[in-house]
Each structure stands twice: as structure tokens, then as C-alpha cells.
C-alpha atoms as a PDB file:
ATOM      1  CA  MET A   1      -0.279  -0.528  -0.161  1.00  0.00           C
ATOM      2  CA  ALA A   2       1.197   3.003  -1.408  1.00  0.00           C
ATOM      3  CA  THR A   3       1.764   6.308   1.407  1.00  0.00           C
ATOM      4  CA  SER A   4       2.135   9.860   0.467  1.00  0.00           C
ATOM      5  CA  MET A   5       5.428  11.831   0.974  1.00  0.00           C
ATOM      6  CA  PRO A   6       5.514  14.893   3.533  1.00  0.00           C
ATOM      7  CA  THR A   7       5.397  18.328   1.621  1.00  0.00           C
ATOM      8  CA  LEU A   8       8.961  20.323   2.204  1.00  0.00           C
ATOM      9  CA  ALA A   9       9.737  23.242   1.041  1.00  0.00           C
ATOM     10  CA  ASN A  10      13.360  23.262  -0.365  1.00  0.00           C
ATOM     11  CA  PHE A  11      16.739  25.175   1.588  1.00  0.00           C
ATOM     12  CA  ASP A  12      17.354  27.915   0.176  1.00  0.00           C
ATOM     13  CA  VAL A  13      21.034  28.283   0.103  1.00  0.00           C
ATOM     14  CA  HIS A  14      22.110  31.579  -0.659  1.00  0.00           C
ATOM     15  CA  SER A  15      19.060  33.904  -0.116  1.00  0.00           C
ATOM     16  CA  ASP A  16      20.659  36.182   3.065  1.00  0.00           C
ATOM     17  CA  PRO A  17      24.158  35.040   4.115  1.00  0.00           C
ATOM     18  CA  SER A  18      23.800  36.339   7.418  1.00  0.00           C
ATOM     19  CA  SER A  19      20.710  34.114   8.927  1.00  0.00           C
ATOM     20  CA  LEU A  20      22.360  31.091   7.189  1.00  0.00           C
ATOM     21  CA  PHE A  21      22.640  28.778   9.935  1.00  0.00           C
ATOM     22  CA  SER A  22      19.734  29.820  11.515  1.00  0.00           C
ATOM     23  CA  ARG A  23      17.810  29.514   8.763  1.00  0.00           C
ATOM     24  CA  TRP A  24      19.634  25.849   8.346  1.00  0.00           C
ATOM     25  CA  GLN A  25      18.444  24.540  12.145  1.00  0.00           C
ATOM     26  CA  LYS A  26      14.858  25.791  11.165  1.00  0.00           C
ATOM     27  CA  TRP A  27      15.111  23.674   8.194  1.00  0.00           C
ATOM     28  CA  ILE A  28      16.428  20.564   9.747  1.00  0.00           C
ATOM     29  CA  ARG A  29      14.241  20.375  12.723  1.00  0.00           C
ATOM     30  CA  ARG A  30      11.123  20.754  10.295  1.00  0.00           C
ATOM     31  CA  PHE A  31      12.861  17.943   7.887  1.00  0.00           C
ATOM     32  CA  GLU A  32      13.638  15.329  10.824  1.00  0.00           C
ATOM     33  CA  GLY A  33      10.129  15.645  12.578  1.00  0.00           C
ATOM     34  CA  ALA A  34       8.479  15.238   9.808  1.00  0.00           C
ATOM     35  CA  MET A  35      10.699  11.512   9.321  1.00  0.00           C
ATOM     36  CA  THR A  36       9.453  11.048  12.656  1.00  0.00           C
ATOM     37  CA  GLY A  37       5.480  11.773  11.909  1.00  0.00           C
ATOM     38  CA  PHE A  38       6.023   9.403   9.370  1.00  0.00           C
ATOM     39  CA  GLY A  39       7.897   6.367  10.815  1.00  0.00           C
ATOM     40  CA  ILE A  40      11.045   6.516   8.764  1.00  0.00           C
ATOM     41  CA  THR A  41      13.938   5.619  10.942  1.00  0.00           C
ATOM     42  CA  ASP A  42      15.977   3.771   8.346  1.00  0.00           C
ATOM     43  CA  ASP A  43      19.276   5.557   8.132  1.00  0.00           C
ATOM     44  CA  GLY A  44      19.889   5.271   3.765  1.00  0.00           C
ATOM     45  CA  ARG A  45      16.229   6.488   3.368  1.00  0.00           C
ATOM     46  CA  LYS A  46      16.999   9.881   5.440  1.00  0.00           C
ATOM     47  CA  LYS A  47      19.816  10.557   4.113  1.00  0.00           C
ATOM     48  CA  ALA A  48      18.103  10.319   0.613  1.00  0.00           C
ATOM     49  CA  LEU A  49      15.185  12.192   1.398  1.00  0.00           C
ATOM     50  CA  LEU A  50      17.670  15.011   3.096  1.00  0.00           C
ATOM     51  CA  LEU A  51      19.100  15.706  -0.448  1.00  0.00           C
ATOM     52  CA  HIS A  52      16.186  14.789  -2.175  1.00  0.00           C
ATOM     53  CA  TYR A  53      14.181  17.628  -0.196  1.00  0.00           C
ATOM     54  CA  GLY A  54      16.825  19.860   0.699  1.00  0.00           C
ATOM     55  CA  GLY A  55      16.471  20.818  -3.282  1.00  0.00           C
ATOM     56  CA  GLU A  56      19.507  20.963  -5.834  1.00  0.00           C
ATOM     57  CA  ASP A  57      21.270  24.070  -4.407  1.00  0.00           C
ATOM     58  CA  LEU A  58      21.674  21.819  -1.522  1.00  0.00           C
ATOM     59  CA  ASP A  59      22.325  18.891  -3.499  1.00  0.00           C
ATOM     60  CA  ASP A  60      25.629  20.671  -5.210  1.00  0.00           C
ATOM     61  CA  VAL A  61      26.964  21.866  -2.271  1.00  0.00           C
ATOM     62  CA  PHE A  62      26.694  18.313  -0.573  1.00  0.00           C
ATOM     63  CA  GLN A  63      28.819  16.586  -3.492  1.00  0.00           C
ATOM     64  CA  THR A  64      31.730  18.966  -3.101  1.00  0.00           C
ATOM     65  CA  ILE A  65      32.611  17.636   0.912  1.00  0.00           C
ATOM     66  CA  LYS A  66      34.169  14.604   0.546  1.00  0.00           C
ATOM     67  CA  LEU A  67      32.603  11.672   3.293  1.00  0.00           C
ATOM     68  CA  THR A  68      33.926   8.969   4.378  1.00  0.00           C
ATOM     69  CA  ASP A  69      31.346   8.201   6.138  1.00  0.00           C
ATOM     70  CA  ASN A  70      27.810   7.974   3.910  1.00  0.00           C
ATOM     71  CA  THR A  71      25.481   8.119   6.810  1.00  0.00           C
ATOM     72  CA  TYR A  72      22.848  10.528   7.326  1.00  0.00           C
ATOM     73  CA  THR A  73      24.073  11.759  11.069  1.00  0.00           C
ATOM     74  CA  LYS A  74      27.205  12.518   9.405  1.00  0.00           C
ATOM     75  CA  ALA A  75      25.612  14.094   5.854  1.00  0.00           C
ATOM     76  CA  LYS A  76      24.144  16.163   9.038  1.00  0.00           C
ATOM     77  CA  GLU A  77      26.935  17.153  10.409  1.00  0.00           C
ATOM     78  CA  VAL A  78      29.194  18.185   7.832  1.00  0.00           C
ATOM     79  CA  LEU A  79      26.251  20.555   6.326  1.00  0.00           C
ATOM     80  CA  GLU A  80      25.751  21.684   9.572  1.00  0.00           C
ATOM     81  CA  THR A  81      29.745  22.781   9.480  1.00  0.00           C
ATOM     82  CA  TYR A  82      29.342  24.202   6.147  1.00  0.00           C
ATOM     83  CA  PHE A  83      26.210  26.490   7.108  1.00  0.00           C
ATOM     84  CA  GLN A  84      27.697  27.949  10.625  1.00  0.00           C
ATOM     85  CA  PRO A  85      30.017  31.077  10.017  1.00  0.00           C
ATOM     86  CA  LYS A  86      33.047  31.759  12.110  1.00  0.00           C
ATOM     87  CA  GLN A  87      31.673  33.237  14.993  1.00  0.00           C
ATOM     88  CA  ASN A  88      33.558  36.014  16.285  1.00  0.00           C
ATOM     89  CA  THR A  89      32.574  35.619  20.396  1.00  0.00           C
ATOM     90  CA  LEU A  90      33.887  39.222  21.385  1.00  0.00           C
ATOM     91  CA  TYR A  91      31.397  40.717  18.862  1.00  0.00           C
ATOM     92  CA  GLU A  92      28.272  38.409  19.648  1.00  0.00           C
ATOM     93  CA  THR A  93      29.056  38.813  23.054  1.00  0.00           C
ATOM     94  CA  ILE A  94      29.080  42.871  22.710  1.00  0.00           C
ATOM     95  CA  ILE A  95      26.064  42.473  21.301  1.00  0.00           C
ATOM     96  CA  PHE A  96      24.247  40.365  23.812  1.00  0.00           C
ATOM     97  CA  ARG A  97      25.184  42.864  26.302  1.00  0.00           C
ATOM     98  CA  ARG A  98      23.142  45.629  24.671  1.00  0.00           C
ATOM     99  CA  GLU A  99      20.126  44.353  24.343  1.00  0.00           C
ATOM    100  CA  HIS A 100      17.990  46.105  26.590  1.00  0.00           C
ATOM    101  CA  GLN A 101      14.157  45.103  27.358  1.00  0.00           C
ATOM    102  CA  LEU A 102      11.525  46.859  25.094  1.00  0.00           C
ATOM    103  CA  GLN A 103       8.824  49.019  25.808  1.00  0.00           C
ATOM    104  CA  GLY A 104       5.449  46.536  26.200  1.00  0.00           C
ATOM    105  CA  GLU A 105       7.861  43.487  25.673  1.00  0.00           C
ATOM    106  CA  SER A 106       6.986  40.727  27.840  1.00  0.00           C
ATOM    107  CA  ILE A 107       9.934  39.018  30.646  1.00  0.00           C
ATOM    108  CA  ASP A 108       9.139  35.740  28.570  1.00  0.00           C
ATOM    109  CA  GLN A 109       9.708  37.768  25.417  1.00  0.00           C
ATOM    110  CA  TYR A 110      13.140  39.232  26.369  1.00  0.00           C
ATOM    111  CA  CYS A 111      14.594  35.962  28.137  1.00  0.00           C
ATOM    112  CA  THR A 112      13.780  33.782  24.787  1.00  0.00           C
ATOM    113  CA  ARG A 113      15.412  37.031  22.946  1.00  0.00           C
ATOM    114  CA  LEU A 114      18.672  37.179  25.818  1.00  0.00           C
ATOM    115  CA  ARG A 115      18.562  32.656  25.092  1.00  0.00           C
ATOM    116  CA  LYS A 116      18.713  32.803  20.992  1.00  0.00           C
ATOM    117  CA  LEU A 117      21.496  35.626  21.293  1.00  0.00           C
ATOM    118  CA  ALA A 118      23.418  33.562  24.244  1.00  0.00           C
ATOM    119  CA  GLU A 119      23.932  30.212  21.988  1.00  0.00           C
ATOM    120  CA  ARG A 120      26.482  32.486  19.355  1.00  0.00           C
ATOM    121  CA  CYS A 121      28.390  33.545  22.268  1.00  0.00           C
ATOM    122  CA  ASN A 122      29.600  30.354  23.359  1.00  0.00           C
ATOM    123  CA  PHE A 123      29.076  31.766  27.368  1.00  0.00           C
ATOM    124  CA  THR A 124      30.270  28.918  29.944  1.00  0.00           C
ATOM    125  CA  ASP A 125      27.011  29.498  31.830  1.00  0.00           C
ATOM    126  CA  ALA A 126      24.640  30.839  29.646  1.00  0.00           C
ATOM    127  CA  GLU A 127      21.407  30.810  32.680  1.00  0.00           C
ATOM    128  CA  ARG A 128      23.859  33.037  34.620  1.00  0.00           C
ATOM    129  CA  GLU A 129      24.558  35.480  31.827  1.00  0.00           C
ATOM    130  CA  ILE A 130      21.050  35.856  31.369  1.00  0.00           C
ATOM    131  CA  LYS A 131      20.061  36.220  34.288  1.00  0.00           C
ATOM    132  CA  THR A 132      22.406  38.988  34.618  1.00  0.00           C
ATOM    133  CA  GLN A 133      21.414  41.022  31.555  1.00  0.00           C
ATOM    134  CA  ILE A 134      17.631  41.092  32.625  1.00  0.00           C
ATOM    135  CA  ILE A 135      18.625  42.532  36.372  1.00  0.00           C
ATOM    136  CA  GLU A 136      20.629  44.954  34.740  1.00  0.00           C
ATOM    137  CA  ASP A 137      18.234  46.066  31.781  1.00  0.00           C
ATOM    138  CA  CYS A 138      14.778  44.686  32.479  1.00  0.00           C
ATOM    139  CA  LEU A 139      12.018  47.887  32.782  1.00  0.00           C
ATOM    140  CA  SER A 140      11.275  47.209  36.240  1.00  0.00           C
ATOM    141  CA  SER A 141      12.794  48.616  39.401  1.00  0.00           C
ATOM    142  CA  GLN A 142      11.024  46.611  42.038  1.00  0.00           C
ATOM    143  CA  LEU A 143      12.128  43.642  39.988  1.00  0.00           C
ATOM    144  CA  ARG A 144      15.338  44.831  39.966  1.00  0.00           C
ATOM    145  CA  ARG A 145      15.312  45.403  44.012  1.00  0.00           C
ATOM    146  CA  LYS A 146      13.661  41.750  44.473  1.00  0.00           C
ATOM    147  CA  ALA A 147      16.464  40.448  42.600  1.00  0.00           C
ATOM    148  CA  LEU A 148      18.814  41.838  44.362  1.00  0.00           C
ATOM    149  CA  GLU A 149      17.862  40.896  47.657  1.00  0.00           C
ATOM    150  CA  LYS A 150      19.378  37.730  47.448  1.00  0.00           C
ATOM    151  CA  ASP A 151      20.764  35.185  45.176  1.00  0.00           C
ATOM    152  CA  ARG A 152      17.912  33.429  42.646  1.00  0.00           C
ATOM    153  CA  GLY A 153      18.159  31.506  40.158  1.00  0.00           C
ATOM    154  CA  LEU A 154      16.917  32.361  36.073  1.00  0.00           C
ATOM    155  CA  GLU A 155      13.825  30.517  36.714  1.00  0.00           C
ATOM    156  CA  GLU A 156      12.586  32.002  39.820  1.00  0.00           C
ATOM    157  CA  ILE A 157      13.157  35.503  38.512  1.00  0.00           C
ATOM    158  CA  ILE A 158      11.117  34.928  35.317  1.00  0.00           C
ATOM    159  CA  GLU A 159       8.326  34.116  38.365  1.00  0.00           C
ATOM    160  CA  LEU A 160       9.223  37.193  40.146  1.00  0.00           C
ATOM    161  CA  ALA A 161       8.882  38.991  36.924  1.00  0.00           C
ATOM    162  CA  ARG A 162       5.632  37.411  35.660  1.00  0.00           C
ATOM    163  CA  SER A 163       3.897  37.868  39.406  1.00  0.00           C
ATOM    164  CA  ILE A 164       4.957  41.914  39.437  1.00  0.00           C
ATOM    165  CA  SER A 165       4.062  42.948  35.988  1.00  0.00           C
ATOM    166  CA  LEU A 166       0.349  41.120  37.443  1.00  0.00           C
ATOM    167  CA  SER A 167       0.120  42.935  40.097  1.00  0.00           C
ATOM    168  CA  GLU A 168       1.246  46.229  38.413  1.00  0.00           C
ATOM    169  CA  THR A 169      -1.814  45.246  35.524  1.00  0.00           C
ATOM    170  CA  ARG A 170      -4.122  44.809  38.518  1.00  0.00           C
ATOM    171  CA  THR A 171      -3.556  47.865  40.671  1.00  0.00           C
ATOM    172  CA  LYS A 172      -3.527  50.059  37.505  1.00  0.00           C
ATOM    173  CA  GLU A 173      -7.145  48.497  36.256  1.00  0.00           C
ATOM    174  CA  VAL A 174      -8.133  50.034  40.167  1.00  0.00           C
ATOM    175  CA  GLU A 175      -6.843  53.120  40.087  1.00  0.00           C
ATOM    176  CA  HIS A 176      -8.071  53.860  36.437  1.00  0.00           C
ATOM    177  CA  VAL A 177     -11.973  53.066  38.298  1.00  0.00           C
ATOM    178  CA  GLY A 178     -11.121  54.876  41.226  1.00  0.00           C
ATOM    179  CA  ARG A 179      -9.817  58.206  38.981  1.00  0.00           C
ATOM    180  CA  ALA A 180     -13.610  57.459  36.781  1.00  0.00           C
ATOM    181  CA  GLU A 181     -15.461  57.240  39.759  1.00  0.00           C
ATOM    182  CA  ALA A 182     -13.849  60.236  41.553  1.00  0.00           C
ATOM    183  CA  ASN A 183     -13.795  62.783  37.701  1.00  0.00           C
ATOM    184  CA  HIS A 184     -17.369  61.545  38.269  1.00  0.00           C
ATOM    185  CA  LEU A 185     -18.180  63.227  41.900  1.00  0.00           C
ATOM    186  CA  ARG A 186     -15.906  65.882  41.167  1.00  0.00           C
ATOM    187  CA  THR A 187     -18.403  67.026  37.637  1.00  0.00           C
ATOM    188  CA  ALA A 188     -20.877  66.243  39.664  1.00  0.00           C
ATOM    189  CA  ALA A 189     -20.008  68.530  42.452  1.00  0.00           C
ATOM    190  CA  GLY A 190     -18.789  70.845  39.659  1.00  0.00           C
ATOM    191  CA  LYS A 191     -22.338  70.911  38.539  1.00  0.00           C
ATOM    192  CA  GLN A 192     -24.019  71.673  41.536  1.00  0.00           C
ATOM    193  CA  LYS A 193     -21.872  74.444  42.238  1.00  0.00           C
ATOM    194  CA  GLN A 194     -22.123  76.173  39.229  1.00  0.00           C
ATOM    195  CA  SER A 195     -26.527  75.813  39.633  1.00  0.00           C
ATOM    196  CA  ARG A 196     -26.199  77.066  42.793  1.00  0.00           C
ATOM    197  CA  SER A 197     -23.877  79.885  41.539  1.00  0.00           C
ATOM    198  CA  TRP A 198     -26.634  80.794  38.871  1.00  0.00           C
ATOM    199  CA  VAL A 199     -28.731  80.507  41.220  1.00  0.00           C
ATOM    200  CA  LYS A 200     -27.219  82.825  43.166  1.00  0.00           C
ATOM    201  CA  ALA A 201     -26.598  85.549  40.528  1.00  0.00           C
ATOM    202  CA  LYS A 202     -30.013  85.445  39.279  1.00  0.00           C
ATOM    203  CA  LEU A 203     -31.397  86.118  42.737  1.00  0.00           C
ATOM    204  CA  LYS A 204     -29.609  89.230  42.970  1.00  0.00           C
ATOM    205  CA  PRO A 205     -30.230  92.354  42.132  1.00  0.00           C
ATOM    206  CA  THR A 206     -28.078  94.582  39.464  1.00  0.00           C
ATOM    207  CA  PRO A 207     -27.235  98.040  39.084  1.00  0.00           C
ATOM    208  CA  ASP A 208     -29.668  98.129  36.092  1.00  0.00           C
ATOM    209  CA  HIS A 209     -32.648  95.663  37.750  1.00  0.00           C
ATOM    210  CA  LYS A 210     -33.331  97.509  41.232  1.00  0.00           C
ATOM    211  CA  GLN A 211     -35.834  96.313  43.885  1.00  0.00           C
ATOM    212  CA  GLN A 212     -38.942  97.889  45.154  1.00  0.00           C
ATOM    213  CA  CYS A 213     -38.556  98.890  48.676  1.00  0.00           C
ATOM    214  CA  TYR A 214     -41.155  97.622  51.417  1.00  0.00           C
ATOM    215  CA  HIS A 215     -41.592 100.232  52.904  1.00  0.00           C
ATOM    216  CA  CYS A 216     -42.139 103.561  50.391  1.00  0.00           C
ATOM    217  CA  GLY A 217     -43.156 102.089  47.424  1.00  0.00           C
ATOM    218  CA  GLY A 218     -40.009 103.812  46.235  1.00  0.00           C
ATOM    219  CA  SER A 219     -36.876 102.069  44.317  1.00  0.00           C
ATOM    220  CA  TYR A 220     -34.228 100.035  46.590  1.00  0.00           C
ATOM    221  CA  PRO A 221     -31.618 100.317  47.799  1.00  0.00           C
ATOM    222  CA  HIS A 222     -32.179 103.889  48.276  1.00  0.00           C
ATOM    223  CA  THR A 223     -29.486 106.606  47.675  1.00  0.00           C
ATOM    224  CA  LYS A 224     -30.731 108.391  51.313  1.00  0.00           C
ATOM    225  CA  LYS A 225     -32.691 107.677  53.805  1.00  0.00           C
ATOM    226  CA  CYS A 226     -36.021 105.685  53.379  1.00  0.00           C
ATOM    227  CA  PRO A 227     -38.869 108.351  52.989  1.00  0.00           C
ATOM    228  CA  ALA A 228     -41.193 106.450  54.879  1.00  0.00           C
ATOM    229  CA  LYS A 229     -38.721 106.156  57.902  1.00  0.00           C
ATOM    230  CA  GLY A 230     -40.911 107.557  61.255  1.00  0.00           C
ATOM    231  CA  MET A 231     -43.715 108.085  59.234  1.00  0.00           C
ATOM    232  CA  THR A 232     -47.220 106.767  60.366  1.00  0.00           C
ATOM    233  CA  CYS A 233     -49.398 104.515  58.094  1.00  0.00           C
ATOM    234  CA  ASN A 234     -53.233 105.886  57.010  1.00  0.00           C
ATOM    235  CA  ALA A 235     -54.643 102.887  56.518  1.00  0.00           C
ATOM    236  CA  CYS A 236     -53.192 100.612  59.540  1.00  0.00           C
ATOM    237  CA  GLY A 237     -51.928 103.051  61.775  1.00  0.00           C
ATOM    238  CA  LYS A 238     -48.532 101.262  62.027  1.00  0.00           C
ATOM    239  CA  PRO A 239     -45.147 102.874  61.870  1.00  0.00           C
ATOM    240  CA  ASN A 240     -42.180 103.097  59.005  1.00  0.00           C
ATOM    241  CA  HIS A 241     -44.850 102.999  55.517  1.00  0.00           C
ATOM    242  CA  PHE A 242     -46.726 104.380  53.366  1.00  0.00           C
ATOM    243  CA  ALA A 243     -50.821 102.692  52.988  1.00  0.00           C
ATOM    244  CA  LYS A 244     -49.918 102.552  49.141  1.00  0.00           C
ATOM    245  CA  VAL A 245     -47.582  99.133  50.165  1.00  0.00           C
ATOM    246  CA  CYS A 246     -49.604  97.846  53.363  1.00  0.00           C
ATOM    247  CA  LYS A 247     -50.129  94.529  53.372  1.00  0.00           C
ATOM    248  CA  SER A 248     -52.540  95.255  56.198  1.00  0.00           C
ATOM    249  CA  ALA A 249     -54.635  97.166  54.146  1.00  0.00           C
ATOM    250  CA  GLU A 250     -54.201  94.557  50.633  1.00  0.00           C
ATOM    251  CA  LYS A 251     -55.305  92.024  52.954  1.00  0.00           C
ATOM    252  CA  SER A 252     -58.704  94.009  54.295  1.00  0.00           C
ATOM    253  CA  THR A 253     -59.107  95.220  50.510  1.00  0.00           C
ATOM    254  CA  LYS A 254     -58.630  91.393  48.627  1.00  0.00           C
ATOM    255  CA  ASP A 255     -61.142  90.006  51.899  1.00  0.00           C
ATOM    256  CA  GLN A 256     -63.962  92.486  50.994  1.00  0.00           C
ATOM    257  CA  LYS A 257     -63.681  91.976  47.818  1.00  0.00           C
ATOM    258  CA  LYS A 258     -63.786  88.073  47.799  1.00  0.00           C
ATOM    259  CA  ARG A 259     -67.085  88.773  49.968  1.00  0.00           C
ATOM    260  CA  VAL A 260     -68.397  90.717  47.144  1.00  0.00           C
ATOM    261  CA  LYS A 261     -70.750  89.348  44.646  1.00  0.00           C
ATOM    262  CA  SER A 262     -72.975  90.757  41.752  1.00  0.00           C
ATOM    263  CA  GLY A 263     -76.777  91.614  40.973  1.00  0.00           C
ATOM    264  CA  GLY A 264     -77.729  92.829  44.159  1.00  0.00           C
ATOM    265  CA  LYS A 265     -79.771  96.068  44.872  1.00  0.00           C
ATOM    266  CA  ALA A 266     -77.526  97.542  48.021  1.00  0.00           C
ATOM    267  CA  ASN A 267     -74.660  99.689  48.067  1.00  0.00           C
ATOM    268  CA  ALA A 268     -71.736  97.651  48.607  1.00  0.00           C
ATOM    269  CA  LEU A 269     -68.118  98.093  49.102  1.00  0.00           C
ATOM    270  CA  THR A 270     -65.912  97.024  45.525  1.00  0.00           C
ATOM    271  CA  SER A 271     -62.444  98.195  45.306  1.00  0.00           C
ATOM    272  CA  VAL A 272     -59.854 100.783  46.326  1.00  0.00           C
ATOM    273  CA  GLU A 273     -58.664 103.666  44.071  1.00  0.00           C
ATOM    274  CA  ASP A 274     -55.401 104.312  43.804  1.00  0.00           C
ATOM    275  CA  ALA A 275     -54.387 107.816  45.233  1.00  0.00           C
ATOM    276  CA  GLU A 276     -51.234 109.648  45.685  1.00  0.00           C
ATOM    277  CA  GLU A 277     -50.367 109.152  49.663  1.00  0.00           C
ATOM    278  CA  THR A 278     -50.428 112.297  51.430  1.00  0.00           C
ATOM    279  CA  SER A 279     -51.080 113.261  55.271  1.00  0.00           C
ATOM    280  CA  ASP A 280     -54.795 114.557  55.322  1.00  0.00           C
ATOM    281  CA  SER A 281     -56.011 112.183  52.280  1.00  0.00           C
ATOM    282  CA  ASP A 282     -59.079 110.466  53.313  1.00  0.00           C
ATOM    283  CA  TYR A 283     -59.841 106.570  51.598  1.00  0.00           C
ATOM    284  CA  VAL A 284     -62.076 106.879  48.433  1.00  0.00           C
ATOM    285  CA  PHE A 285     -63.792 104.021  47.618  1.00  0.00           C
ATOM    286  CA  GLN A 286     -65.807 102.808  44.802  1.00  0.00           C
ATOM    287  CA  LEU A 287     -69.435 101.692  44.975  1.00  0.00           C
ATOM    288  CA  SER A 288     -71.925  99.365  43.131  1.00  0.00           C
ATOM    289  CA  SER A 289     -75.214  98.193  43.019  1.00  0.00           C
ATOM    290  CA  SER A 290     -74.451  94.363  44.362  1.00  0.00           C
ATOM    291  CA  ASP A 291     -76.181  91.018  46.453  1.00  0.00           C
ATOM    292  CA  THR A 292     -74.347  90.713  49.730  1.00  0.00           C
ATOM    293  CA  ASP A 293     -74.623  88.305  52.568  1.00  0.00           C
ATOM    294  CA  GLN A 294     -72.663  90.845  54.425  1.00  0.00           C
ATOM    295  CA  PRO A 295     -74.000  92.224  57.941  1.00  0.00           C
ATOM    296  CA  ARG A 296     -76.395  95.092  57.983  1.00  0.00           C
ATOM    297  CA  ALA A 297     -77.850  97.180  60.556  1.00  0.00           C
ATOM    298  CA  THR A 298     -80.219  99.976  60.115  1.00  0.00           C
ATOM    299  CA  VAL A 299     -79.610 103.249  61.684  1.00  0.00           C
ATOM    300  CA  CYS A 300     -81.613 106.376  61.635  1.00  0.00           C
ATOM    301  CA  VAL A 301     -79.848 108.927  59.488  1.00  0.00           C
ATOM    302  CA  ASN A 302     -81.825 112.786  60.286  1.00  0.00           C
ATOM    303  CA  ASN A 303     -85.416 110.390  61.049  1.00  0.00           C
ATOM    304  CA  THR A 304     -84.464 108.213  58.349  1.00  0.00           C
ATOM    305  CA  PRO A 305     -84.268 104.765  58.697  1.00  0.00           C
ATOM    306  CA  VAL A 306     -81.265 103.670  56.582  1.00  0.00           C
ATOM    307  CA  GLN A 307     -79.436 100.136  55.500  1.00  0.00           C
ATOM    308  CA  ALA A 308     -75.824 100.488  56.450  1.00  0.00           C
ATOM    309  CA  LEU A 309     -73.129  98.269  56.095  1.00  0.00           C
ATOM    310  CA  ILE A 310     -71.534  97.693  59.076  1.00  0.00           C
ATOM    311  CA  ASP A 311     -67.663  97.811  59.233  1.00  0.00           C
ATOM    312  CA  SER A 312     -66.411  98.851  55.822  1.00  0.00           C
ATOM    313  CA  GLY A 313     -62.895  99.804  56.702  1.00  0.00           C
ATOM    314  CA  ALA A 314     -63.168 103.510  54.767  1.00  0.00           C
ATOM    315  CA  THR A 315     -62.341 106.635  56.893  1.00  0.00           C
ATOM    316  CA  VAL A 316     -64.981 108.511  56.265  1.00  0.00           C
ATOM    317  CA  ASN A 317     -69.046 107.826  55.817  1.00  0.00           C
ATOM    318  CA  VAL A 318     -70.521 107.273  52.441  1.00  0.00           C
ATOM    319  CA  MET A 319     -73.554 107.249  51.428  1.00  0.00           C
ATOM    320  CA  SER A 320     -75.272 107.653  47.547  1.00  0.00           C
ATOM    321  CA  ARG A 321     -77.085 110.780  46.253  1.00  0.00           C
ATOM    322  CA  LYS A 322     -80.556 108.830  46.350  1.00  0.00           C
ATOM    323  CA  THR A 323     -79.799 108.272  50.019  1.00  0.00           C
ATOM    324  CA  TYR A 324     -78.938 111.201  50.423  1.00  0.00           C
ATOM    325  CA  ASN A 325     -81.548 113.004  49.161  1.00  0.00           C
ATOM    326  CA  LEU A 326     -83.916 111.078  51.539  1.00  0.00           C
ATOM    327  CA  THR A 327     -82.036 112.287  54.554  1.00  0.00           C
ATOM    328  CA  ALA A 328     -80.960 115.328  54.051  1.00  0.00           C
ATOM    329  CA  ARG A 329     -84.423 117.537  53.999  1.00  0.00           C
ATOM    330  CA  ASN A 330     -84.272 120.176  56.214  1.00  0.00           C
ATOM    331  CA  LEU A 331     -80.968 120.174  56.599  1.00  0.00           C
ATOM    332  CA  THR A 332     -77.972 122.836  56.181  1.00  0.00           C
ATOM    333  CA  GLY A 333     -74.672 123.205  56.222  1.00  0.00           C
ATOM    334  CA  ILE A 334     -73.447 120.098  55.237  1.00  0.00           C
ATOM    335  CA  ASP A 335     -69.927 119.441  53.992  1.00  0.00           C
ATOM    336  CA  THR A 336     -70.465 116.892  50.788  1.00  0.00           C
ATOM    337  CA  ARG A 337     -67.900 115.464  48.351  1.00  0.00           C
END
């Protein structure tokens, strides 16, 4: 029963001489992996397949090498020697010493790069050299301090670096959430403060928008003393305000209006006309005919019975022309207004 052979690209002998040896090492690993996968263990078959899959250029190189031992192991050895460049150990060591951890590079990635460079340096103790390079040129100062506290192995240094990296990542996440919450609170507080400032500015009187004085009714603030200070209200008799801004008189008038109903025949008090406040002024009321449920009393005026509204709040007694004509017979010297 025929079996299909593995597919493997030929080895490129002539491209990029600087990476020739490293490319050969990768290719030979893939080749041996394929042989193992297909169960090919015969030494002669492996050598034949090596030259077949290596390609024409690899076969030409092999033919220039004289072999005393015609086996796969020997063929691999002489080809590896051919592709391996003459190394300058001092130069490779300098390159190794210049390698430092890059931004965003994990400790494992950094260690892998150092291992590859150390292969060309012929170090007696490569693990110790790699550990020293990590301690000297890693990005984490915390790792450096911990590593210098006591002598640790390379694997212990790598585990410590992983732990520190994880801790720093979690700390940044927590701090980010904390800053986000703090910024939210500061923003809310700023908006609240701005709102209070806006309300305060809105309520505060400006020079162009003066308030009304509660005592005299004029513009406030006064440039001089308030005119109502020391004066007595003609409406309620209380000091330090004029009747036109008297709250007591305003309340009394509103109460009277609430008690008035239209459509009656009796004379009723309905409103107060605006009048300039003077020291000898009387309150002038407007009378109209309307029904009312207000308490009334029958009084005798010049021997004539008259229906009168009790406690109208007026400072003078007022009657209609019709009532006057009924009661003023044979009266002389009466002041009418």
C-alpha cells in the first residue's frame, strides 16, 4: 500500500547569508520532525530524503564535501559545519550585552531573545549570563530591587517578574476605576456648584434691575434715607411705611372683594381707587349695586331709617345720592364731597 510523502519546501542556500545558519537549523528540525511523523527510521532512506527535500542547491553543496562515512548522521553534521559561519565571540557578546527589554515586551519574550543571542556567545554558564542581563536591563525597577535582595536562579527571577507584572496590571485597573469615580463626583459637584452660583446670580439684584422698597414703594436700595422712615401708615396706623404698600390694607381689601357678589340692589364696597398718599388724604371707595350677604344694620339718619354696611374699613362714611336725598331734608351746612 503506497503512502503519500510529506510536503516540505527546499532549503534556500543562497539568500541572506547573515541568517544562513539559523535558517538551516529551523529547516533541519522540520525535516526530522517529518521523518519521525511518517515513521522513517532507516538511515539510508533519511539521507536520500535529506538531499531530495533539500533541493538542487543543497545537493550541489553536499557533492563538494568528501565523506568517509556515508550515513545520515554524518551528512547532517558536515552540512551544519558548512553553513555555520565563523563566529566572533567577542562581537556576539557585545551584541548580547546591549540588549535591553523593550516597551511592551514581556519578561518571557525578553528572555527568549537573550537565549538566542547567548547561543552564539559560547558562554560557560549561559543561564547566569541571561539572569544578569535581565536584572541589569529590565524595565521594572521593582524586579531589579527584589532580584538583588538575594541570589535567585533564572527561573525564580522569571516567576518573580510575572508576579510583579500581574500586580502592576491589576493596580492600574483599580486606579483607573478609582479615578473615573472621582472624576464623576468632581463633575457632579462642579455642576451643582455652578447651578447654585447661577441661582444666586439670578436672585441677586443688579444695578440695572432695582427692587421695590417694601416701606415706601420706591426703588431700592435708596441713595438716601427711606422717605417712609418715621412716618405713620394712614391705612393701619403702624409706623415706617406708606399706605400704598401697606400689607394690612391690601389684605383687608382682598377680603372685601371675596365677600362681594354681583347683581344686587344694595350699595356695596368693591374696590379701592389708587390715590397719592398725603397726610390729609381719606380713602376713596367705589360703590356699586350688588347683592351681598354682609351684615347690615338699620340706622336712623335725620329721622330716616337707612340700611348701612357695618365696618366697611373706610375712613369716612359714604352714602349714595339717593340716600342723601332721603335723609338730607331740612339739613343745611353739610360738607359733601
